[in-house]
């Protein structure tokens, strides 16, 4: 998909956004949509229990708003499965990236997680360096960036060299 199509798809989402999509905190979401916020919390808690008991897989796939299939931890994919994007501050950063990044730019994604922003930057034509320290999430990242112009590093960004313990 071209960067123009990515920007158009995002503009379609953000042209007349529901206020709840831009809510950054739980309190804002509750003030805007009390009932749906609590229902989503209950669903998340039930999913978490089912995940811990092994009834649902730890990783599932979802599609981004621009049609790219990604693999992510199950609890992270609920917004992607429902809408193809993340709301709140994530939507604002996604929009900022789409408005700012140009083909040929360099994008460094420190703490890349499963690669949401790395994939978006790559679709917008940037050369991407994705850095993720935890091994399980790094495996998802490498799965998602396979075949893309993205260089992934299993490392952490810190103020000094050395070893650190991460809870994966």
N, C-alpha and C. Protein backbone atom coordinates (compact mmCIF):
# COMPACT_ATOMS: atom_id res chain seq x y z
N UNK A 1 0.85 -1.18 0.00
CA UNK A 1 0.00 0.00 0.00
C UNK A 1 0.89 1.24 0.00
N UNK A 2 0.52 2.22 -0.75
CA UNK A 2 1.32 3.45 -0.81
C UNK A 2 1.04 4.33 0.40
N UNK A 3 1.98 5.25 0.65
CA UNK A 3 1.81 6.15 1.79
C UNK A 3 0.58 7.04 1.59
N UNK A 4 0.23 7.34 0.36
CA UNK A 4 -0.97 8.15 0.09
C UNK A 4 -2.22 7.41 0.53
N UNK A 5 -2.27 6.11 0.26
CA UNK A 5 -3.43 5.31 0.67
C UNK A 5 -3.51 5.17 2.19
N UNK A 6 -2.34 5.03 2.84
CA UNK A 6 -2.30 4.96 4.31
C UNK A 6 -2.85 6.26 4.89
N UNK A 7 -2.38 7.38 4.37
CA UNK A 7 -2.84 8.68 4.86
C UNK A 7 -4.33 8.87 4.62
N UNK A 8 -4.83 8.44 3.47
CA UNK A 8 -6.26 8.58 3.18
C UNK A 8 -7.09 7.71 4.12
N UNK A 9 -6.64 6.46 4.36
CA UNK A 9 -7.36 5.59 5.29
C UNK A 9 -7.40 6.20 6.68
N UNK A 10 -6.30 6.78 7.12
CA UNK A 10 -6.25 7.41 8.44
C UNK A 10 -7.10 8.67 8.48
N UNK A 11 -7.09 9.45 7.42
CA UNK A 11 -7.93 10.65 7.36
C UNK A 11 -9.41 10.28 7.43
N UNK A 12 -9.79 9.17 6.80
CA UNK A 12 -11.18 8.72 6.88
C UNK A 12 -11.58 8.42 8.32
N UNK A 13 -10.65 7.85 9.09
CA UNK A 13 -10.92 7.52 10.50
C UNK A 13 -11.01 8.78 11.34
N UNK A 14 -10.08 9.70 11.12
CA UNK A 14 -9.95 10.86 12.02
C UNK A 14 -10.73 12.09 11.58
N UNK A 15 -11.36 12.04 10.41
CA UNK A 15 -12.09 13.22 9.95
C UNK A 15 -13.22 13.59 10.90
N UNK A 16 -14.00 12.60 11.31
CA UNK A 16 -15.09 12.84 12.25
C UNK A 16 -15.00 11.80 13.37
N UNK A 17 -13.94 11.88 14.17
CA UNK A 17 -13.76 10.83 15.19
C UNK A 17 -14.76 10.98 16.33
N UNK A 18 -15.14 9.83 16.88
CA UNK A 18 -15.93 9.85 18.09
C UNK A 18 -15.02 10.34 19.21
N UNK A 19 -15.55 11.09 20.12
CA UNK A 19 -14.73 11.63 21.22
C UNK A 19 -14.03 10.53 21.99
N UNK A 20 -14.68 9.36 22.10
CA UNK A 20 -14.08 8.29 22.89
C UNK A 20 -12.79 7.78 22.25
N UNK A 21 -12.66 7.89 20.93
CA UNK A 21 -11.42 7.44 20.27
C UNK A 21 -10.23 8.28 20.68
N UNK A 22 -10.48 9.54 21.03
CA UNK A 22 -9.41 10.45 21.39
C UNK A 22 -9.19 10.52 22.90
N UNK A 23 -10.02 9.84 23.67
CA UNK A 23 -9.87 9.86 25.13
C UNK A 23 -8.56 9.19 25.51
N UNK A 24 -7.75 9.88 26.30
CA UNK A 24 -6.43 9.37 26.65
C UNK A 24 -6.40 8.62 27.97
N UNK A 25 -7.34 8.91 28.85
CA UNK A 25 -7.32 8.26 30.16
C UNK A 25 -8.62 7.49 30.39
N UNK A 26 -8.56 6.59 31.35
CA UNK A 26 -9.74 5.81 31.72
C UNK A 26 -10.86 6.74 32.19
N UNK A 27 -10.49 7.78 32.94
CA UNK A 27 -11.49 8.72 33.45
C UNK A 27 -12.21 9.44 32.31
N UNK A 28 -11.46 9.84 31.29
CA UNK A 28 -12.08 10.48 30.13
C UNK A 28 -13.03 9.53 29.43
N UNK A 29 -12.61 8.26 29.27
CA UNK A 29 -13.48 7.28 28.61
C UNK A 29 -14.76 7.06 29.41
N UNK A 30 -14.63 7.00 30.73
CA UNK A 30 -15.81 6.79 31.58
C UNK A 30 -16.76 7.99 31.47
N UNK A 31 -16.23 9.19 31.47
CA UNK A 31 -17.08 10.38 31.34
C UNK A 31 -17.81 10.43 30.01
N UNK A 32 -17.16 9.96 28.95
CA UNK A 32 -17.78 10.00 27.63
C UNK A 32 -18.75 8.84 27.43
N UNK A 33 -18.34 7.65 27.81
CA UNK A 33 -19.16 6.45 27.54
C UNK A 33 -19.05 5.50 28.73
N UNK A 34 -19.79 5.80 29.78
CA UNK A 34 -19.71 5.04 31.02
C UNK A 34 -19.97 3.56 30.80
N UNK A 35 -21.07 3.21 30.17
CA UNK A 35 -21.47 1.82 30.03
C UNK A 35 -20.49 1.02 29.18
N UNK A 36 -20.15 1.53 28.00
CA UNK A 36 -19.28 0.75 27.12
C UNK A 36 -17.87 0.61 27.70
N UNK A 37 -17.41 1.60 28.43
CA UNK A 37 -16.10 1.50 29.07
C UNK A 37 -16.07 0.38 30.09
N UNK A 38 -17.11 0.28 30.90
CA UNK A 38 -17.17 -0.79 31.91
C UNK A 38 -17.36 -2.16 31.27
N UNK A 39 -18.14 -2.24 30.22
CA UNK A 39 -18.32 -3.52 29.51
C UNK A 39 -16.98 -3.98 28.94
N UNK A 40 -16.24 -3.07 28.35
CA UNK A 40 -14.92 -3.42 27.79
C UNK A 40 -13.97 -3.88 28.89
N UNK A 41 -14.02 -3.25 30.06
CA UNK A 41 -13.17 -3.67 31.18
C UNK A 41 -13.52 -5.08 31.63
N UNK A 42 -14.81 -5.39 31.69
CA UNK A 42 -15.24 -6.73 32.08
C UNK A 42 -14.77 -7.76 31.06
N UNK A 43 -14.92 -7.44 29.78
CA UNK A 43 -14.47 -8.35 28.73
C UNK A 43 -12.96 -8.56 28.81
N UNK A 44 -12.22 -7.49 29.05
CA UNK A 44 -10.76 -7.62 29.18
C UNK A 44 -10.38 -8.50 30.37
N UNK A 45 -11.08 -8.34 31.50
CA UNK A 45 -10.78 -9.16 32.67
C UNK A 45 -11.10 -10.63 32.42
N UNK A 46 -12.23 -10.89 31.77
CA UNK A 46 -12.59 -12.27 31.44
C UNK A 46 -11.58 -12.88 30.46
N UNK A 47 -11.18 -12.10 29.48
CA UNK A 47 -10.19 -12.58 28.51
C UNK A 47 -8.87 -12.87 29.21
N UNK A 48 -8.47 -12.02 30.15
CA UNK A 48 -7.24 -12.22 30.88
C UNK A 48 -7.29 -13.54 31.66
N UNK A 49 -8.41 -13.81 32.31
CA UNK A 49 -8.57 -15.06 33.06
C UNK A 49 -8.51 -16.26 32.11
N UNK A 50 -9.22 -16.16 30.98
CA UNK A 50 -9.23 -17.26 30.01
C UNK A 50 -7.84 -17.47 29.42
N UNK A 51 -7.11 -16.39 29.23
CA UNK A 51 -5.74 -16.48 28.72
C UNK A 51 -4.85 -17.20 29.73
N UNK A 52 -4.95 -16.81 30.99
CA UNK A 52 -4.14 -17.43 32.04
C UNK A 52 -4.47 -18.92 32.21
N UNK A 53 -5.73 -19.29 31.98
CA UNK A 53 -6.15 -20.68 32.11
C UNK A 53 -5.87 -21.49 30.84
N UNK A 54 -5.41 -20.82 29.79
CA UNK A 54 -5.07 -21.51 28.55
C UNK A 54 -6.22 -21.76 27.60
N UNK A 55 -7.36 -21.08 27.80
CA UNK A 55 -8.52 -21.28 26.93
C UNK A 55 -8.44 -20.49 25.63
N UNK A 56 -7.64 -19.45 25.61
CA UNK A 56 -7.46 -18.67 24.38
C UNK A 56 -5.95 -18.53 24.12
N UNK A 57 -5.56 -18.40 22.85
CA UNK A 57 -4.14 -18.33 22.54
C UNK A 57 -3.50 -17.03 23.02
N UNK A 58 -2.20 -17.08 23.25
CA UNK A 58 -1.47 -15.90 23.72
C UNK A 58 -1.24 -14.89 22.61
N UNK A 59 -1.19 -15.36 21.37
CA UNK A 59 -0.94 -14.50 20.22
C UNK A 59 -2.02 -14.75 19.16
N UNK A 60 -2.55 -13.67 18.62
CA UNK A 60 -3.53 -13.78 17.53
C UNK A 60 -3.18 -12.74 16.47
N UNK A 61 -3.80 -12.88 15.32
CA UNK A 61 -3.55 -11.91 14.25
C UNK A 61 -4.72 -10.94 14.15
N UNK A 62 -4.43 -9.78 13.62
CA UNK A 62 -5.45 -8.76 13.38
C UNK A 62 -4.98 -7.96 12.17
N UNK A 63 -5.87 -7.12 11.64
CA UNK A 63 -5.51 -6.29 10.50
C UNK A 63 -5.48 -4.83 10.91
N UNK A 64 -4.49 -4.11 10.37
CA UNK A 64 -4.40 -2.69 10.62
C UNK A 64 -5.43 -1.96 9.76
N UNK A 65 -5.64 -0.68 10.04
CA UNK A 65 -6.61 0.10 9.26
C UNK A 65 -6.21 0.21 7.80
N UNK A 66 -4.95 -0.07 7.48
CA UNK A 66 -4.50 -0.02 6.10
C UNK A 66 -4.33 -1.42 5.50
N UNK A 67 -4.88 -2.44 6.19
CA UNK A 67 -4.98 -3.78 5.62
C UNK A 67 -3.83 -4.73 5.88
N UNK A 68 -2.84 -4.35 6.67
CA UNK A 68 -1.70 -5.20 6.94
C UNK A 68 -2.02 -6.16 8.09
N UNK A 69 -1.73 -7.44 7.91
CA UNK A 69 -1.94 -8.44 8.96
C UNK A 69 -0.78 -8.38 9.94
N UNK A 70 -1.09 -8.30 11.24
CA UNK A 70 -0.06 -8.28 12.28
C UNK A 70 -0.39 -9.32 13.34
N UNK A 71 0.65 -9.80 13.98
CA UNK A 71 0.49 -10.71 15.11
C UNK A 71 0.81 -9.93 16.37
N UNK A 72 -0.01 -10.12 17.39
CA UNK A 72 0.18 -9.37 18.63
C UNK A 72 -0.35 -10.20 19.81
N UNK A 73 0.09 -9.84 21.02
CA UNK A 73 -0.49 -10.50 22.20
C UNK A 73 -2.00 -10.33 22.20
N UNK A 74 -2.71 -11.35 22.57
CA UNK A 74 -4.17 -11.38 22.48
C UNK A 74 -4.83 -10.15 23.07
N UNK A 75 -4.44 -9.75 24.27
CA UNK A 75 -5.09 -8.62 24.91
C UNK A 75 -4.81 -7.30 24.19
N UNK A 76 -3.73 -7.22 23.44
CA UNK A 76 -3.42 -6.01 22.69
C UNK A 76 -4.22 -5.90 21.40
N UNK A 77 -4.76 -7.01 20.94
CA UNK A 77 -5.41 -6.99 19.62
C UNK A 77 -6.88 -6.62 19.65
N UNK A 78 -7.48 -6.48 20.81
CA UNK A 78 -8.91 -6.15 20.84
C UNK A 78 -9.24 -4.90 20.02
N UNK A 79 -8.54 -3.77 20.22
CA UNK A 79 -8.85 -2.60 19.39
C UNK A 79 -8.56 -2.83 17.91
N UNK A 80 -7.48 -3.57 17.62
CA UNK A 80 -7.15 -3.84 16.22
C UNK A 80 -8.22 -4.71 15.56
N UNK A 81 -8.69 -5.72 16.27
CA UNK A 81 -9.74 -6.58 15.72
C UNK A 81 -11.01 -5.79 15.48
N UNK A 82 -11.34 -4.89 16.39
CA UNK A 82 -12.59 -4.14 16.29
C UNK A 82 -12.53 -3.03 15.25
N UNK A 83 -11.39 -2.28 15.21
CA UNK A 83 -11.35 -1.07 14.40
C UNK A 83 -10.17 -0.98 13.45
N UNK A 84 -9.12 -1.77 13.67
CA UNK A 84 -7.94 -1.69 12.84
C UNK A 84 -6.94 -0.65 13.29
N UNK A 85 -7.17 -0.05 14.46
CA UNK A 85 -6.26 0.95 15.01
C UNK A 85 -6.49 1.05 16.51
N UNK A 86 -5.60 1.79 17.16
CA UNK A 86 -5.71 2.05 18.59
C UNK A 86 -6.21 3.47 18.77
N UNK A 87 -7.04 3.71 19.77
CA UNK A 87 -7.57 5.05 20.03
C UNK A 87 -6.69 5.84 20.98
N UNK A 88 -7.22 6.95 21.46
CA UNK A 88 -6.53 7.78 22.45
C UNK A 88 -5.23 8.34 21.93
N UNK A 89 -4.22 8.33 22.80
CA UNK A 89 -2.92 8.88 22.45
C UNK A 89 -2.30 8.14 21.27
N UNK A 90 -2.55 6.84 21.15
CA UNK A 90 -2.01 6.07 20.03
C UNK A 90 -2.54 6.59 18.69
N UNK A 91 -3.81 6.93 18.64
CA UNK A 91 -4.38 7.46 17.41
C UNK A 91 -3.76 8.81 17.06
N UNK A 92 -3.53 9.63 18.07
CA UNK A 92 -2.90 10.94 17.83
C UNK A 92 -1.48 10.78 17.30
N UNK A 93 -0.72 9.85 17.87
CA UNK A 93 0.65 9.63 17.41
C UNK A 93 0.64 9.02 16.01
N UNK A 94 -0.28 8.11 15.74
CA UNK A 94 -0.41 7.52 14.41
C UNK A 94 -0.68 8.61 13.38
N UNK A 95 -1.60 9.51 13.70
CA UNK A 95 -1.93 10.62 12.80
C UNK A 95 -0.72 11.54 12.62
N UNK A 96 -0.02 11.84 13.69
CA UNK A 96 1.16 12.69 13.60
C UNK A 96 2.21 12.07 12.68
N UNK A 97 2.43 10.76 12.84
CA UNK A 97 3.40 10.08 11.99
C UNK A 97 2.98 10.14 10.53
N UNK A 98 1.71 9.89 10.26
CA UNK A 98 1.22 9.91 8.87
C UNK A 98 1.36 11.30 8.26
N UNK A 99 1.19 12.33 9.07
CA UNK A 99 1.29 13.70 8.58
C UNK A 99 2.74 14.17 8.45
N UNK A 100 3.67 13.54 9.17
CA UNK A 100 5.03 14.04 9.27
C UNK A 100 6.06 13.23 8.49
N UNK A 101 5.99 11.90 8.58
CA UNK A 101 7.00 11.06 7.94
C UNK A 101 6.91 11.13 6.42
N UNK A 102 8.09 11.18 5.81
CA UNK A 102 8.16 11.21 4.36
C UNK A 102 9.01 10.05 3.89
N UNK A 103 8.82 9.66 2.66
CA UNK A 103 9.62 8.61 2.06
C UNK A 103 11.10 8.99 2.17
N UNK A 104 11.90 8.03 2.63
CA UNK A 104 13.33 8.28 2.78
C UNK A 104 13.74 8.71 4.17
N UNK A 105 12.79 9.08 5.04
CA UNK A 105 13.11 9.43 6.43
C UNK A 105 13.62 8.19 7.16
N UNK A 106 14.33 8.41 8.26
CA UNK A 106 14.77 7.32 9.12
C UNK A 106 13.92 7.38 10.39
N UNK A 107 13.38 6.24 10.79
CA UNK A 107 12.52 6.14 11.96
C UNK A 107 13.11 5.11 12.91
N UNK A 108 13.40 5.51 14.14
CA UNK A 108 13.92 4.60 15.15
C UNK A 108 12.81 4.36 16.17
N UNK A 109 12.42 3.10 16.29
CA UNK A 109 11.33 2.71 17.19
C UNK A 109 11.93 2.00 18.40
N UNK A 110 12.24 2.76 19.45
CA UNK A 110 12.81 2.20 20.67
C UNK A 110 11.71 1.63 21.55
N UNK A 111 11.78 0.35 21.86
CA UNK A 111 10.70 -0.32 22.58
C UNK A 111 9.58 -0.61 21.59
N UNK A 112 9.93 -1.24 20.50
CA UNK A 112 9.03 -1.40 19.36
C UNK A 112 7.82 -2.29 19.63
N UNK A 113 7.87 -3.08 20.68
CA UNK A 113 6.78 -4.00 20.98
C UNK A 113 6.58 -4.90 19.77
N UNK A 114 5.35 -5.12 19.34
CA UNK A 114 5.12 -6.02 18.20
C UNK A 114 5.24 -5.30 16.86
N UNK A 115 5.53 -3.98 16.86
CA UNK A 115 5.86 -3.30 15.64
C UNK A 115 4.82 -2.38 15.03
N UNK A 116 3.80 -1.98 15.77
CA UNK A 116 2.74 -1.12 15.23
C UNK A 116 3.31 0.11 14.53
N UNK A 117 4.12 0.89 15.26
CA UNK A 117 4.67 2.12 14.69
C UNK A 117 5.75 1.83 13.65
N UNK A 118 6.52 0.78 13.84
CA UNK A 118 7.53 0.40 12.85
C UNK A 118 6.88 0.08 11.52
N UNK A 119 5.82 -0.70 11.55
CA UNK A 119 5.12 -1.08 10.32
C UNK A 119 4.49 0.13 9.65
N UNK A 120 3.90 1.00 10.44
CA UNK A 120 3.31 2.22 9.89
C UNK A 120 4.38 3.08 9.22
N UNK A 121 5.51 3.28 9.90
CA UNK A 121 6.59 4.09 9.34
C UNK A 121 7.11 3.48 8.04
N UNK A 122 7.22 2.17 8.01
CA UNK A 122 7.68 1.50 6.80
C UNK A 122 6.68 1.69 5.66
N UNK A 123 5.39 1.58 5.96
CA UNK A 123 4.35 1.79 4.94
C UNK A 123 4.38 3.22 4.41
N UNK A 124 4.84 4.15 5.25
CA UNK A 124 4.93 5.55 4.84
C UNK A 124 6.25 5.84 4.10
N UNK A 125 7.09 4.80 3.93
CA UNK A 125 8.31 4.95 3.13
C UNK A 125 9.57 5.23 3.90
N UNK A 126 9.51 5.19 5.23
CA UNK A 126 10.70 5.45 6.04
C UNK A 126 11.57 4.20 6.15
N UNK A 127 12.86 4.39 6.35
CA UNK A 127 13.77 3.31 6.69
C UNK A 127 13.65 3.14 8.21
N UNK A 128 13.33 1.93 8.67
CA UNK A 128 12.98 1.73 10.07
C UNK A 128 13.99 0.84 10.78
N UNK A 129 14.35 1.26 12.00
CA UNK A 129 15.15 0.48 12.93
C UNK A 129 14.27 0.24 14.16
N UNK A 130 13.90 -1.01 14.38
CA UNK A 130 13.02 -1.37 15.49
C UNK A 130 13.83 -2.06 16.57
N UNK A 131 13.70 -1.59 17.80
CA UNK A 131 14.49 -2.10 18.91
C UNK A 131 13.54 -2.59 19.99
N UNK A 132 13.64 -3.88 20.34
CA UNK A 132 12.77 -4.48 21.35
C UNK A 132 13.59 -5.42 22.22
N UNK A 133 13.61 -5.19 23.55
CA UNK A 133 14.48 -5.97 24.41
C UNK A 133 13.96 -7.35 24.83
N UNK A 134 12.66 -7.53 24.94
CA UNK A 134 12.15 -8.80 25.48
C UNK A 134 12.04 -9.85 24.37
N UNK A 135 12.49 -11.07 24.67
CA UNK A 135 12.62 -12.08 23.62
C UNK A 135 11.28 -12.53 23.03
N UNK A 136 10.26 -12.73 23.83
CA UNK A 136 8.97 -13.19 23.28
C UNK A 136 8.35 -12.13 22.37
N UNK A 137 8.37 -10.89 22.80
CA UNK A 137 7.81 -9.82 21.97
C UNK A 137 8.69 -9.58 20.76
N UNK A 138 10.02 -9.72 20.91
CA UNK A 138 10.92 -9.58 19.77
C UNK A 138 10.59 -10.62 18.70
N UNK A 139 10.24 -11.83 19.13
CA UNK A 139 9.85 -12.87 18.15
C UNK A 139 8.61 -12.44 17.37
N UNK A 140 7.64 -11.82 18.03
CA UNK A 140 6.47 -11.29 17.32
C UNK A 140 6.87 -10.17 16.37
N UNK A 141 7.74 -9.29 16.85
CA UNK A 141 8.21 -8.19 16.02
C UNK A 141 8.84 -8.72 14.73
N UNK A 142 9.76 -9.68 14.86
CA UNK A 142 10.42 -10.21 13.67
C UNK A 142 9.43 -10.90 12.74
N UNK A 143 8.44 -11.53 13.30
CA UNK A 143 7.38 -12.16 12.48
C UNK A 143 6.61 -11.10 11.70
N UNK A 144 6.32 -9.97 12.35
CA UNK A 144 5.55 -8.91 11.70
C UNK A 144 6.34 -8.14 10.65
N UNK A 145 7.65 -7.99 10.86
CA UNK A 145 8.44 -7.15 9.94
C UNK A 145 9.09 -7.94 8.82
N UNK A 146 8.92 -9.25 8.83
CA UNK A 146 9.50 -10.09 7.77
C UNK A 146 9.08 -9.58 6.39
N UNK A 147 10.05 -9.38 5.53
CA UNK A 147 9.77 -8.93 4.17
C UNK A 147 9.62 -7.42 4.03
N UNK A 148 9.76 -6.70 5.11
CA UNK A 148 9.66 -5.23 5.09
C UNK A 148 11.05 -4.62 5.17
N UNK A 149 11.17 -3.35 4.83
CA UNK A 149 12.44 -2.65 4.95
C UNK A 149 12.60 -2.15 6.39
N UNK A 150 12.65 -3.11 7.31
CA UNK A 150 12.76 -2.82 8.74
C UNK A 150 13.88 -3.68 9.31
N UNK A 151 14.80 -3.06 10.02
CA UNK A 151 15.87 -3.78 10.69
C UNK A 151 15.51 -3.87 12.16
N UNK A 152 15.38 -5.10 12.67
CA UNK A 152 14.98 -5.30 14.06
C UNK A 152 16.18 -5.74 14.91
N UNK A 153 16.27 -5.17 16.10
CA UNK A 153 17.34 -5.49 17.04
C UNK A 153 16.73 -5.97 18.35
N UNK A 154 17.25 -7.10 18.86
CA UNK A 154 16.83 -7.60 20.17
C UNK A 154 17.76 -6.98 21.20
N UNK A 155 17.46 -5.74 21.56
CA UNK A 155 18.30 -4.97 22.47
C UNK A 155 17.44 -3.94 23.18
N UNK A 156 18.04 -3.26 24.14
CA UNK A 156 17.35 -2.19 24.86
C UNK A 156 18.12 -0.89 24.67
N UNK A 157 17.42 0.21 24.75
CA UNK A 157 18.06 1.52 24.73
C UNK A 157 18.20 1.99 26.17
N UNK A 158 19.42 2.38 26.53
CA UNK A 158 19.65 2.80 27.90
C UNK A 158 20.80 3.80 27.89
N UNK A 159 21.01 4.46 29.00
CA UNK A 159 22.03 5.51 29.08
C UNK A 159 23.45 4.96 29.20
N UNK A 160 23.60 3.65 29.46
CA UNK A 160 24.93 3.07 29.57
C UNK A 160 24.88 1.61 29.10
N UNK A 161 26.04 1.09 28.75
CA UNK A 161 26.13 -0.30 28.30
C UNK A 161 26.08 -1.22 29.51
N UNK A 162 25.54 -2.40 29.32
CA UNK A 162 25.48 -3.38 30.39
C UNK A 162 24.34 -4.34 30.20
N UNK A 163 24.12 -5.19 31.18
CA UNK A 163 23.04 -6.16 31.13
C UNK A 163 21.92 -5.71 32.07
N UNK A 164 20.69 -5.98 31.65
CA UNK A 164 19.51 -5.64 32.46
C UNK A 164 18.59 -6.84 32.48
N UNK A 165 17.81 -6.94 33.51
CA UNK A 165 16.82 -7.99 33.61
C UNK A 165 15.46 -7.45 33.19
N UNK A 166 14.83 -8.11 32.25
CA UNK A 166 13.49 -7.72 31.80
C UNK A 166 12.52 -8.84 32.11
N UNK A 167 11.32 -8.49 32.51
CA UNK A 167 10.26 -9.46 32.72
C UNK A 167 9.52 -9.61 31.40
N UNK A 168 9.62 -10.79 30.79
CA UNK A 168 9.05 -11.00 29.47
C UNK A 168 7.61 -11.49 29.64
